C-alpha atoms as a PDB file:
ATOM      1  CA  MET A   1      57.139 -79.896-171.191  1.00  0.00           C
ATOM      2  CA  GLU A   2      60.008 -81.557-172.944  1.00  0.00           C
ATOM      3  CA  ARG A   3      61.863 -84.066-170.846  1.00  0.00           C
ATOM      4  CA  THR A   4      65.614 -83.871-170.685  1.00  0.00           C
ATOM      5  CA  LYS A   5      67.204 -86.706-172.626  1.00  0.00           C
ATOM      6  CA  PRO A   6      70.806 -87.711-173.124  1.00  0.00           C
ATOM      7  CA  ALA A   7      72.659 -85.983-175.910  1.00  0.00           C
ATOM      8  CA  GLY A   8      71.915 -87.494-179.300  1.00  0.00           C
ATOM      9  CA  THR A   9      68.273 -88.379-178.618  1.00  0.00           C
ATOM     10  CA  VAL A  10      65.129 -86.743-179.930  1.00  0.00           C
ATOM     11  CA  SER A  11      62.564 -85.614-177.389  1.00  0.00           C
ATOM     12  CA  SER A  12      59.401 -86.329-179.368  1.00  0.00           C
ATOM     13  CA  GLY A  13      60.468 -88.823-182.031  1.00  0.00           C
ATOM     14  CA  LEU A  14      60.302 -86.011-184.600  1.00  0.00           C
ATOM     15  CA  ASP A  15      63.003 -83.522-185.354  1.00  0.00           C
ATOM     16  CA  GLU A  16      62.419 -80.115-186.913  1.00  0.00           C
ATOM     17  CA  ALA A  17      62.351 -81.627-190.387  1.00  0.00           C
ATOM     18  CA  GLY A  18      59.282 -83.708-189.579  1.00  0.00           C
ATOM     19  CA  GLY A  19      60.789 -87.145-189.124  1.00  0.00           C
ATOM     20  CA  PRO A  20      63.311 -88.949-186.971  1.00  0.00           C
ATOM     21  CA  GLY A  21      66.768 -87.840-187.999  1.00  0.00           C
ATOM     22  CA  GLY A  22      65.436 -85.790-190.931  1.00  0.00           C
ATOM     23  CA  THR A  23      67.643 -83.460-192.911  1.00  0.00           C
ATOM     24  CA  GLY A  24      65.142 -80.882-194.179  1.00  0.00           C
ATOM     25  CA  SER A  25      65.629 -77.129-194.507  1.00  0.00           C
ATOM     26  CA  SER A  26      64.388 -76.505-190.970  1.00  0.00           C
ATOM     27  CA  GLN A  27      67.142 -78.648-189.526  1.00  0.00           C
ATOM     28  CA  ARG A  28      69.739 -76.841-191.633  1.00  0.00           C
ATOM     29  CA  ARG A  29      68.432 -73.482-190.447  1.00  0.00           C
ATOM     30  CA  GLY A  30      68.631 -74.669-186.865  1.00  0.00           C
ATOM     31  CA  SER A  31      72.237 -75.767-187.299  1.00  0.00           C
ATOM     32  CA  GLN A  32      73.168 -72.491-188.957  1.00  0.00           C
ATOM     33  CA  ALA A  33      71.490 -70.459-186.223  1.00  0.00           C
ATOM     34  CA  GLY A  34      73.180 -72.506-183.548  1.00  0.00           C
ATOM     35  CA  ALA A  35      76.589 -72.093-185.138  1.00  0.00           C
ATOM     36  CA  ALA A  36      76.038 -68.364-185.430  1.00  0.00           C
ATOM     37  CA  ASN A  37      75.577 -68.187-181.672  1.00  0.00           C
ATOM     38  CA  GLY A  38      78.616 -70.301-180.843  1.00  0.00           C
ATOM     39  CA  LEU A  39      76.527 -73.265-179.745  1.00  0.00           C
ATOM     40  CA  LEU A  40      77.447 -76.878-179.513  1.00  0.00           C
ATOM     41  CA  VAL A  41      75.638 -79.265-181.841  1.00  0.00           C
ATOM     42  CA  ARG A  42      74.223 -82.440-180.341  1.00  0.00           C
ATOM     43  CA  PRO A  43      76.030 -85.598-181.410  1.00  0.00           C
ATOM     44  CA  SER A  44      74.028 -87.228-184.186  1.00  0.00           C
ATOM     45  CA  GLN A  45      72.501 -90.675-183.934  1.00  0.00           C
ATOM     46  CA  PRO A  46      74.360 -93.577-185.529  1.00  0.00           C
ATOM     47  CA  ALA A  47      73.480 -93.722-189.224  1.00  0.00           C
ATOM     48  CA  TRP A  48      71.781 -97.111-188.985  1.00  0.00           C
ATOM     49  CA  GLU A  49      69.588 -96.008-186.086  1.00  0.00           C
ATOM     50  CA  LYS A  50      68.646 -92.799-187.833  1.00  0.00           C
ATOM     51  CA  LEU A  51      67.678 -94.664-190.999  1.00  0.00           C
ATOM     52  CA  ALA A  52      65.696 -97.275-189.076  1.00  0.00           C
ATOM     53  CA  ARG A  53      63.750 -94.657-187.113  1.00  0.00           C
ATOM     54  CA  ARG A  54      63.069 -92.633-190.235  1.00  0.00           C
ATOM     55  CA  ALA A  55      61.888 -95.681-192.176  1.00  0.00           C
ATOM     56  CA  ALA A  56      59.606 -96.838-189.353  1.00  0.00           C
ATOM     57  CA  TYR A  57      58.078 -93.406-188.883  1.00  0.00           C
ATOM     58  CA  TRP A  58      57.483 -92.640-192.540  1.00  0.00           C
ATOM     59  CA  GLY A  59      56.214 -96.151-193.136  1.00  0.00           C
ATOM     60  CA  LEU A  60      53.497 -95.619-190.555  1.00  0.00           C
ATOM     61  CA  VAL A  61      52.638 -92.126-191.778  1.00  0.00           C
ATOM     62  CA  THR A  62      52.500 -93.235-195.423  1.00  0.00           C
ATOM     63  CA  ALA A  63      50.261 -96.178-194.584  1.00  0.00           C
ATOM     64  CA  ALA A  64      47.897 -94.011-192.542  1.00  0.00           C
ATOM     65  CA  ARG A  65      47.656 -90.996-194.839  1.00  0.00           C
ATOM     66  CA  PRO A  66      45.231 -92.361-197.484  1.00  0.00           C
ATOM     67  CA  LEU A  67      42.733 -93.099-194.720  1.00  0.00           C
ATOM     68  CA  HIS A  68      43.242 -89.849-192.811  1.00  0.00           C
ATOM     69  CA  ARG A  69      39.536 -88.919-192.964  1.00  0.00           C
ATOM     70  CA  THR A  70      38.667 -92.041-190.976  1.00  0.00           C
ATOM     71  CA  ARG A  71      40.863 -90.793-188.154  1.00  0.00           C
ATOM     72  CA  MET A  72      40.155 -88.389-185.335  1.00  0.00           C
ATOM     73  CA  LEU A  73      41.160 -84.757-185.007  1.00  0.00           C
ATOM     74  CA  PRO A  74      41.803 -83.141-181.630  1.00  0.00           C
ATOM     75  CA  SER A  75      38.922 -81.773-179.603  1.00  0.00           C
ATOM     76  CA  PHE A  76      41.402 -80.025-177.330  1.00  0.00           C
ATOM     77  CA  ILE A  77      45.115 -79.225-177.309  1.00  0.00           C
ATOM     78  CA  ILE A  78      47.562 -78.546-174.510  1.00  0.00           C
ATOM     79  CA  VAL A  79      49.313 -75.514-175.993  1.00  0.00           C
ATOM     80  CA  GLY A  80      51.978 -74.887-173.332  1.00  0.00           C
ATOM     81  CA  ALA A  81      53.783 -73.419-171.715  1.00  0.00           C
ATOM     82  CA  GLU A  82      57.126 -75.168-171.990  1.00  0.00           C
ATOM     83  CA  ARG A  83      58.700 -76.453-168.735  1.00  0.00           C
ATOM     84  CA  CYS A  84      55.425 -75.981-166.858  1.00  0.00           C
ATOM     85  CA  GLY A  85      54.400 -79.614-166.301  1.00  0.00           C
ATOM     86  CA  THR A  86      52.584 -80.301-169.559  1.00  0.00           C
ATOM     87  CA  THR A  87      54.040 -83.817-169.803  1.00  0.00           C
ATOM     88  CA  SER A  88      52.626 -84.732-166.391  1.00  0.00           C
ATOM     89  CA  LEU A  89      49.208 -83.309-167.275  1.00  0.00           C
ATOM     90  CA  TRP A  90      49.220 -85.030-170.667  1.00  0.00           C
ATOM     91  CA  ASP A  91      50.172 -88.331-169.059  1.00  0.00           C
ATOM     92  CA  ALA A  92      47.333 -88.070-166.531  1.00  0.00           C
ATOM     93  CA  LEU A  93      44.681 -87.146-169.108  1.00  0.00           C
ATOM     94  CA  ARG A  94      45.575 -89.832-171.626  1.00  0.00           C
ATOM     95  CA  ARG A  95      44.655 -92.480-169.048  1.00  0.00           C
ATOM     96  CA  HIS A  96      40.988 -91.459-169.204  1.00  0.00           C
ATOM     97  CA  PRO A  97      39.094 -94.075-171.286  1.00  0.00           C
ATOM     98  CA  ALA A  98      37.528 -91.420-173.534  1.00  0.00           C
ATOM     99  CA  MET A  99      40.776 -89.576-174.321  1.00  0.00           C
ATOM    100  CA  PHE A 100      43.119 -90.576-177.119  1.00  0.00           C
ATOM    101  CA  ASN A 101      46.529 -89.109-177.783  1.00  0.00           C
ATOM    102  CA  ALA A 102      48.381 -89.260-181.078  1.00  0.00           C
ATOM    103  CA  VAL A 103      49.567 -92.702-182.078  1.00  0.00           C
ATOM    104  CA  LEU A 104      53.105 -91.662-183.051  1.00  0.00           C
ATOM    105  CA  PRO A 105      54.746 -89.748-181.565  1.00  0.00           C
ATOM    106  CA  LYS A 106      52.619 -89.805-178.463  1.00  0.00           C
ATOM    107  CA  LYS A 107      52.769 -86.266-177.086  1.00  0.00           C
ATOM    108  CA  GLU A 108      54.140 -83.500-179.309  1.00  0.00           C
ATOM    109  CA  LEU A 109      53.306 -83.266-183.012  1.00  0.00           C
ATOM    110  CA  HIS A 110      54.341 -79.625-183.528  1.00  0.00           C
ATOM    111  CA  TYR A 111      52.101 -79.414-186.564  1.00  0.00           C
ATOM    112  CA  PHE A 112      50.832 -75.881-185.939  1.00  0.00           C
ATOM    113  CA  ASP A 113      54.289 -74.421-185.350  1.00  0.00           C
ATOM    114  CA  TYR A 114      57.014 -75.901-187.567  1.00  0.00           C
ATOM    115  CA  GLN A 115      55.255 -78.761-189.403  1.00  0.00           C
ATOM    116  CA  TYR A 116      52.356 -76.762-190.824  1.00  0.00           C
ATOM    117  CA  THR A 117      53.386 -76.944-194.476  1.00  0.00           C
ATOM    118  CA  ARG A 118      52.790 -80.725-194.403  1.00  0.00           C
ATOM    119  CA  GLY A 119      49.017 -80.235-194.456  1.00  0.00           C
ATOM    120  CA  LEU A 120      46.076 -81.215-192.293  1.00  0.00           C
ATOM    121  CA  ASP A 121      45.859 -84.741-193.724  1.00  0.00           C
ATOM    122  CA  TRP A 122      49.437 -85.368-192.501  1.00  0.00           C
ATOM    123  CA  TYR A 123      48.401 -84.182-189.050  1.00  0.00           C
ATOM    124  CA  GLN A 124      45.199 -86.205-188.943  1.00  0.00           C
ATOM    125  CA  CYS A 125      46.893 -89.456-189.894  1.00  0.00           C
ATOM    126  CA  HIS A 126      48.726 -89.425-186.540  1.00  0.00           C
ATOM    127  CA  PHE A 127      45.508 -89.958-184.557  1.00  0.00           C
ATOM    128  CA  PRO A 128      43.479 -93.131-183.868  1.00  0.00           C
ATOM    129  CA  LEU A 129      40.709 -94.406-186.102  1.00  0.00           C
ATOM    130  CA  LYS A 130      37.310 -92.967-185.181  1.00  0.00           C
ATOM    131  CA  SER A 131      35.667 -96.403-185.125  1.00  0.00           C
ATOM    132  CA  ARG A 132      38.210 -97.933-182.770  1.00  0.00           C
ATOM    133  CA  ALA A 133      38.126 -94.941-180.439  1.00  0.00           C
ATOM    134  CA  SER A 134      34.316 -95.078-180.261  1.00  0.00           C
ATOM    135  CA  LEU A 135      34.424 -98.731-179.278  1.00  0.00           C
ATOM    136  CA  ALA A 136      37.092 -98.122-176.647  1.00  0.00           C
ATOM    137  CA  ALA A 137      35.235 -95.152-175.128  1.00  0.00           C
ATOM    138  CA  ARG A 138      31.934 -97.003-174.668  1.00  0.00           C
ATOM    139  CA  ARG A 139      32.950 -98.289-171.258  1.00  0.00           C
ATOM    140  CA  CYS A 140      32.686 -94.799-169.773  1.00  0.00           C
ATOM    141  CA  GLY A 141      29.612 -93.726-171.725  1.00  0.00           C
ATOM    142  CA  ALA A 142      31.258 -90.746-173.423  1.00  0.00           C
ATOM    143  CA  ALA A 143      32.128 -89.731-176.932  1.00  0.00           C
ATOM    144  CA  PRO A 144      35.861 -90.135-177.613  1.00  0.00           C
ATOM    145  CA  VAL A 145      38.110 -87.088-177.854  1.00  0.00           C
ATOM    146  CA  ALA A 146      41.600 -86.847-179.303  1.00  0.00           C
ATOM    147  CA  PHE A 147      44.288 -84.465-178.118  1.00  0.00           C
ATOM    148  CA  GLU A 148      47.966 -83.650-178.234  1.00  0.00           C
ATOM    149  CA  ALA A 149      50.358 -81.421-176.292  1.00  0.00           C
ATOM    150  CA  SER A 150      52.916 -79.221-178.045  1.00  0.00           C
ATOM    151  CA  PRO A 151      54.154 -76.553-175.612  1.00  0.00           C
ATOM    152  CA  TYR A 152      55.534 -74.232-178.309  1.00  0.00           C
ATOM    153  CA  TYR A 153      52.041 -73.499-179.671  1.00  0.00           C
ATOM    154  CA  ILE A 154      51.193 -70.817-177.100  1.00  0.00           C
ATOM    155  CA  PHE A 155      54.333 -68.817-177.940  1.00  0.00           C
ATOM    156  CA  HIS A 156      54.590 -69.307-181.698  1.00  0.00           C
ATOM    157  CA  PRO A 157      53.160 -66.208-183.447  1.00  0.00           C
ATOM    158  CA  LEU A 158      51.090 -68.204-185.977  1.00  0.00           C
ATOM    159  CA  ALA A 159      50.143 -71.388-184.133  1.00  0.00           C
ATOM    160  CA  PRO A 160      47.008 -70.107-182.299  1.00  0.00           C
ATOM    161  CA  GLU A 161      45.540 -68.692-185.510  1.00  0.00           C
ATOM    162  CA  ARG A 162      46.259 -71.935-187.374  1.00  0.00           C
ATOM    163  CA  ILE A 163      44.636 -74.010-184.629  1.00  0.00           C
ATOM    164  CA  HIS A 164      41.562 -71.784-184.648  1.00  0.00           C
ATOM    165  CA  ARG A 165      41.246 -72.010-188.443  1.00  0.00           C
ATOM    166  CA  ASP A 166      41.823 -75.745-188.851  1.00  0.00           C
ATOM    167  CA  LEU A 167      40.046 -77.078-185.758  1.00  0.00           C
ATOM    168  CA  PRO A 168      36.751 -75.193-185.367  1.00  0.00           C
ATOM    169  CA  GLY A 169      35.402 -75.433-181.831  1.00  0.00           C
ATOM    170  CA  VAL A 170      38.616 -76.853-180.369  1.00  0.00           C
ATOM    171  CA  LYS A 171      39.371 -76.102-176.719  1.00  0.00           C
ATOM    172  CA  VAL A 172      42.813 -75.210-175.415  1.00  0.00           C
ATOM    173  CA  LEU A 173      44.564 -75.927-172.141  1.00  0.00           C
ATOM    174  CA  ALA A 174      47.420 -73.718-170.961  1.00  0.00           C
ATOM    175  CA  MET A 175      49.633 -74.724-168.051  1.00  0.00           C
ATOM    176  CA  LEU A 176      51.586 -71.980-166.284  1.00  0.00           C
ATOM    177  CA  ARG A 177      54.423 -71.981-163.771  1.00  0.00           C
ATOM    178  CA  ASP A 178      56.396 -69.372-161.852  1.00  0.00           C
ATOM    179  CA  PRO A 179      58.039 -67.657-164.848  1.00  0.00           C
ATOM    180  CA  VAL A 180      61.343 -67.205-163.022  1.00  0.00           C
ATOM    181  CA  ALA A 181      61.612 -70.938-162.342  1.00  0.00           C
ATOM    182  CA  ARG A 182      60.363 -71.691-165.855  1.00  0.00           C
ATOM    183  CA  ALA A 183      63.070 -69.563-167.459  1.00  0.00           C
ATOM    184  CA  TYR A 184      65.847 -71.234-165.486  1.00  0.00           C
ATOM    185  CA  SER A 185      64.442 -74.698-166.165  1.00  0.00           C
ATOM    186  CA  ALA A 186      64.375 -73.957-169.897  1.00  0.00           C
ATOM    187  CA  TYR A 187      67.951 -72.710-169.726  1.00  0.00           C
ATOM    188  CA  LEU A 188      69.151 -75.883-167.986  1.00  0.00           C
ATOM    189  CA  LEU A 189      67.372 -77.982-170.597  1.00  0.00           C
ATOM    190  CA  ARG A 190      69.182 -76.151-173.409  1.00  0.00           C
ATOM    191  CA  VAL A 191      72.514 -76.551-171.635  1.00  0.00           C
ATOM    192  CA  GLY A 192      71.877 -80.264-171.159  1.00  0.00           C
ATOM    193  CA  ARG A 193      71.148 -80.689-174.866  1.00  0.00           C
ATOM    194  CA  GLY A 194      74.170 -78.736-175.964  1.00  0.00           C
ATOM    195  CA  TYR A 195      72.221 -75.805-177.406  1.00  0.00           C
ATOM    196  CA  GLU A 196      73.421 -73.272-174.833  1.00  0.00           C
ATOM    197  CA  THR A 197      76.984 -72.577-173.710  1.00  0.00           C
ATOM    198  CA  GLU A 198      76.552 -69.186-172.032  1.00  0.00           C
ATOM    199  CA  SER A 199      75.870 -68.566-168.356  1.00  0.00           C
ATOM    200  CA  PHE A 200      72.226 -67.946-167.465  1.00  0.00           C
ATOM    201  CA  GLU A 201      72.871 -64.276-166.834  1.00  0.00           C
ATOM    202  CA  ARG A 202      74.625 -63.883-170.171  1.00  0.00           C
ATOM    203  CA  ALA A 203      71.904 -65.843-171.990  1.00  0.00           C
ATOM    204  CA  LEU A 204      69.324 -63.395-170.648  1.00  0.00           C
ATOM    205  CA  GLU A 205      71.467 -60.486-171.829  1.00  0.00           C
ATOM    206  CA  LEU A 206      71.643 -62.038-175.306  1.00  0.00           C
ATOM    207  CA  GLU A 207      67.942 -62.874-175.527  1.00  0.00           C
ATOM    208  CA  GLU A 208      66.806 -59.652-177.158  1.00  0.00           C
ATOM    209  CA  SER A 209      69.461 -59.779-179.891  1.00  0.00           C
ATOM    210  CA  ARG A 210      68.926 -63.513-180.463  1.00  0.00           C
ATOM    211  CA  LEU A 211      65.183 -63.000-180.958  1.00  0.00           C
ATOM    212  CA  ALA A 212      65.409 -59.771-182.944  1.00  0.00           C
ATOM    213  CA  GLY A 213      63.247 -60.055-186.061  1.00  0.00           C
ATOM    214  CA  GLU A 214      62.524 -63.769-185.603  1.00  0.00           C
ATOM    215  CA  ALA A 215      58.793 -63.440-184.868  1.00  0.00           C
ATOM    216  CA  GLU A 216      58.430 -61.190-187.905  1.00  0.00           C
ATOM    217  CA  ARG A 217      60.220 -63.728-190.109  1.00  0.00           C
ATOM    218  CA  LEU A 218      57.938 -66.493-188.857  1.00  0.00           C
ATOM    219  CA  VAL A 219      54.872 -64.426-189.732  1.00  0.00           C
ATOM    220  CA  ALA A 220      56.222 -63.447-193.144  1.00  0.00           C
ATOM    221  CA  ASP A 221      57.264 -66.946-194.242  1.00  0.00           C
ATOM    222  CA  ALA A 222      55.078 -69.919-193.282  1.00  0.00           C
ATOM    223  CA  SER A 223      57.925 -72.325-194.059  1.00  0.00           C
ATOM    224  CA  TYR A 224      60.467 -70.539-191.866  1.00  0.00           C
ATOM    225  CA  VAL A 225      61.612 -72.329-188.710  1.00  0.00           C
ATOM    226  CA  SER A 226      63.431 -70.243-186.131  1.00  0.00           C
ATOM    227  CA  PHE A 227      65.928 -72.065-183.951  1.00  0.00           C
ATOM    228  CA  ASN A 228      66.448 -68.967-181.821  1.00  0.00           C
ATOM    229  CA  HIS A 229      62.752 -68.224-181.301  1.00  0.00           C
ATOM    230  CA  ARG A 230      62.094 -71.776-180.167  1.00  0.00           C
ATOM    231  CA  HIS A 231      65.129 -72.243-177.945  1.00  0.00           C
ATOM    232  CA  PHE A 232      66.319 -68.894-176.576  1.00  0.00           C
ATOM    233  CA  ALA A 233      63.147 -67.112-175.409  1.00  0.00           C
ATOM    234  CA  TYR A 234      63.904 -67.722-171.740  1.00  0.00           C
ATOM    235  CA  ARG A 235      62.334 -64.485-170.493  1.00  0.00           C
ATOM    236  CA  ALA A 236      59.741 -63.902-173.204  1.00  0.00           C
ATOM    237  CA  ARG A 237      57.974 -67.246-172.847  1.00  0.00           C
ATOM    238  CA  GLY A 238      57.093 -66.389-169.243  1.00  0.00           C
ATOM    239  CA  GLN A 239      55.168 -63.274-170.235  1.00  0.00           C
ATOM    240  CA  TYR A 240      51.979 -65.284-170.091  1.00  0.00           C
ATOM    241  CA  ALA A 241      49.309 -62.594-170.121  1.00  0.00           C
ATOM    242  CA  GLU A 242      50.082 -61.318-173.612  1.00  0.00           C
ATOM    243  CA  GLN A 243      49.992 -64.874-174.966  1.00  0.00           C
ATOM    244  CA  LEU A 244      46.649 -65.639-173.291  1.00  0.00           C
ATOM    245  CA  GLU A 245      45.150 -62.349-174.444  1.00  0.00           C
ATOM    246  CA  ARG A 246      46.155 -63.163-178.008  1.00  0.00           C
ATOM    247  CA  MET A 247      44.455 -66.554-177.749  1.00  0.00           C
ATOM    248  CA  GLU A 248      41.341 -65.070-176.168  1.00  0.00           C
ATOM    249  CA  LYS A 249      40.772 -62.916-179.242  1.00  0.00           C
ATOM    250  CA  LEU A 250      40.625 -66.085-181.335  1.00  0.00           C
ATOM    251  CA  PHE A 251      38.981 -68.662-179.078  1.00  0.00           C
ATOM    252  CA  GLY A 252      37.078 -66.631-176.501  1.00  0.00           C
ATOM    253  CA  ARG A 253      37.544 -67.063-172.763  1.00  0.00           C
ATOM    254  CA  GLU A 254      35.092 -69.957-172.560  1.00  0.00           C
ATOM    255  CA  ARG A 255      37.338 -72.217-174.673  1.00  0.00           C
ATOM    256  CA  ILE A 256      40.543 -71.559-172.715  1.00  0.00           C
ATOM    257  CA  HIS A 257      41.344 -73.339-169.458  1.00  0.00           C
ATOM    258  CA  VAL A 258      44.415 -72.382-167.445  1.00  0.00           C
ATOM    259  CA  VAL A 259      46.087 -74.837-165.075  1.00  0.00           C
ATOM    260  CA  ASP A 260      48.489 -73.521-162.450  1.00  0.00           C
ATOM    261  CA  SER A 261      51.409 -75.945-162.285  1.00  0.00           C
ATOM    262  CA  ALA A 262      51.896 -75.560-158.525  1.00  0.00           C
ATOM    263  CA  ASP A 263      48.202 -76.225-157.897  1.00  0.00           C
ATOM    264  CA  PHE A 264      48.321 -79.314-160.090  1.00  0.00           C
ATOM    265  CA  PHE A 265      51.252 -80.876-158.267  1.00  0.00           C
ATOM    266  CA  ALA A 266      49.872 -79.898-154.841  1.00  0.00           C
ATOM    267  CA  ASN A 267      46.358 -81.251-155.478  1.00  0.00           C
ATOM    268  CA  PRO A 268      46.360 -83.160-158.788  1.00  0.00           C
ATOM    269  CA  GLY A 269      43.001 -84.866-158.294  1.00  0.00           C
ATOM    270  CA  ALA A 270      41.057 -81.622-157.950  1.00  0.00           C
ATOM    271  CA  VAL A 271      42.827 -79.984-160.893  1.00  0.00           C
ATOM    272  CA  HIS A 272      42.333 -83.115-163.010  1.00  0.00           C
ATOM    273  CA  ASP A 273      38.602 -83.077-162.249  1.00  0.00           C
ATOM    274  CA  GLY A 274      38.430 -79.392-163.170  1.00  0.00           C
ATOM    275  CA  VAL A 275      39.935 -80.172-166.560  1.00  0.00           C
ATOM    276  CA  LEU A 276      37.389 -82.945-167.151  1.00  0.00           C
ATOM    277  CA  GLU A 277      34.576 -80.549-166.272  1.00  0.00           C
ATOM    278  CA  PHE A 278      35.941 -77.985-168.736  1.00  0.00           C
ATOM    279  CA  LEU A 279      36.095 -80.664-171.442  1.00  0.00           C
ATOM    280  CA  GLY A 280      32.614 -81.973-170.658  1.00  0.00           C
ATOM    281  CA  LEU A 281      33.844 -85.487-169.918  1.00  0.00           C
ATOM    282  CA  PRO A 282      32.611 -87.760-167.124  1.00  0.00           C
ATOM    283  CA  HIS A 283      34.795 -88.181-164.098  1.00  0.00           C
ATOM    284  CA  HIS A 284      36.758 -91.389-163.939  1.00  0.00           C
ATOM    285  CA  ASP A 285      39.077 -93.005-161.442  1.00  0.00           C
ATOM    286  CA  HIS A 286      42.042 -90.762-160.765  1.00  0.00           C
ATOM    287  CA  PRO A 287      45.213 -92.001-162.429  1.00  0.00           C
ATOM    288  CA  ALA A 288      48.437 -92.409-160.478  1.00  0.00           C
ATOM    289  CA  PHE A 289      49.847 -88.893-160.606  1.00  0.00           C
ATOM    290  CA  GLU A 290      53.607 -88.702-160.813  1.00  0.00           C
ATOM    291  CA  ARG A 291      55.776 -85.681-160.196  1.00  0.00           C
ATOM    292  CA  PRO A 292      58.573 -85.013-162.681  1.00  0.00           C
ATOM    293  CA  SER A 293      61.923 -86.337-161.523  1.00  0.00           C
ATOM    294  CA  THR A 294      64.150 -83.682-160.011  1.00  0.00           C
ATOM    295  CA  ARG A 295      67.892 -83.508-160.313  1.00  0.00           C
ATOM    296  CA  ALA A 296      70.507 -81.626-158.371  1.00  0.00           C
ATOM    297  CA  ARG A 297      71.340 -78.413-160.182  1.00  0.00           C
ATOM    298  CA  ALA A 298      73.306 -75.264-159.574  1.00  0.00           C
ATOM    299  CA  PRO A 299      71.149 -72.618-157.882  1.00  0.00           C
ATOM    300  CA  MET A 300      70.145 -69.528-159.783  1.00  0.00           C
ATOM    301  CA  PRO A 301      72.252 -66.515-158.754  1.00  0.00           C
ATOM    302  CA  ASP A 302      70.301 -64.286-156.358  1.00  0.00           C
ATOM    303  CA  SER A 303      71.000 -61.184-158.428  1.00  0.00           C
ATOM    304  CA  VAL A 304      69.551 -62.844-161.536  1.00  0.00           C
ATOM    305  CA  ARG A 305      66.503 -64.043-159.613  1.00  0.00           C
ATOM    306  CA  ARG A 306      65.794 -60.552-158.289  1.00  0.00           C
ATOM    307  CA  ALA A 307      66.163 -59.039-161.748  1.00  0.00           C
ATOM    308  CA  LEU A 308      63.753 -61.581-163.237  1.00  0.00           C
ATOM    309  CA  GLU A 309      61.219 -61.086-160.447  1.00  0.00           C
ATOM    310  CA  GLU A 310      61.297 -57.356-161.110  1.00  0.00           C
ATOM    311  CA  HIS A 311      60.930 -57.919-164.855  1.00  0.00           C
ATOM    312  CA  TYR A 312      57.907 -60.152-164.393  1.00  0.00           C
ATOM    313  CA  ARG A 313      56.129 -57.951-161.845  1.00  0.00           C
ATOM    314  CA  PRO A 314      53.973 -56.032-164.363  1.00  0.00           C
ATOM    315  CA  HIS A 315      53.426 -59.152-166.451  1.00  0.00           C
ATOM    316  CA  ASP A 316      52.243 -61.090-163.395  1.00  0.00           C
ATOM    317  CA  GLU A 317      49.897 -58.272-162.424  1.00  0.00           C
ATOM    318  CA  ARG A 318      48.446 -58.349-165.926  1.00  0.00           C
ATOM    319  CA  LEU A 319      48.096 -62.126-165.680  1.00  0.00           C
ATOM    320  CA  ALA A 320      46.312 -61.892-162.321  1.00  0.00           C
ATOM    321  CA  ALA A 321      43.820 -59.451-163.836  1.00  0.00           C
ATOM    322  CA  TRP A 322      43.210 -61.823-166.758  1.00  0.00           C
ATOM    323  CA  LEU A 323      42.781 -64.864-164.514  1.00  0.00           C
ATOM    324  CA  GLY A 324      40.703 -63.040-161.909  1.00  0.00           C
ATOM    325  CA  ARG A 325      42.982 -64.486-159.205  1.00  0.00           C
ATOM    326  CA  GLU A 326      46.593 -64.442-158.135  1.00  0.00           C
ATOM    327  CA  PRO A 327      48.813 -67.107-159.688  1.00  0.00           C
ATOM    328  CA  SER A 328      50.425 -69.439-157.188  1.00  0.00           C
ATOM    329  CA  TRP A 329      53.824 -67.745-157.235  1.00  0.00           C
ATOM    330  CA  ARG A 330      52.282 -64.443-156.076  1.00  0.00           C
ATOM    331  CA  ARG A 331      50.112 -65.776-153.280  1.00  0.00           C
END
């Protein structure tokens, strides 16, 4: 889950061009798509700060790349969904002595969605050295595992297939939240970052036209980056069952673990232990679990809420059948 940051900052340390403050084709496409929808563009960073961040990032990546084979690759990935608590889960898991997140940036690498043309060696060079991780993990008597969390993976039409192909045997974690609340949270995030200027109701009305043909373009062109598909799928991203079913065909049920966001925040210790059991890692002292900070926000209009609840009814029923239990928002 991407945290809201002040305008002009970058959530993960990487922009859509693959580096802090980059100016690649993906960034240009994003700007063009945003302008086409009458969106505001975030104020850019000061030139000196942009150059310094870019130099620091690419310096580290360049230094690490020749030795990429000595570095770890993920044993599991948190694939989403966006605005469902993935940052809190990632933060709790990375405190386990046998788990190692990416060195830079720490949480989201976005390799399997819009960085894929950079190659697996680029991806691998972001993770710790195997030798150092093995030494650090000895204190808990487990083999070290690396992981990352990029919440666009579950929704991107090519990311699951890429993960399955490049990381044989990898396990995936999916975190789900009431899709109505998720949609509104995503909308508020886009408004806060200047991507969205419409009302929530109007943004939902525009969603179908904004997304028209974007998934097909992503499938047809591996280098294509869709601003609209990433940012304006308020309703579609909450249709969880179809995304999980797609992943099941690739990974099998036994390699997919679903975490209910409400359950995690109500009883984090038990959910955390369930994740460790799924990953085959020994239990360790529970970390200090922290809830995401909440801010006062305008309530969702009742009419919009009712319409979304009705929209999600068949999708939630399909999800309950897939899970074998009711999700928290239907109990």
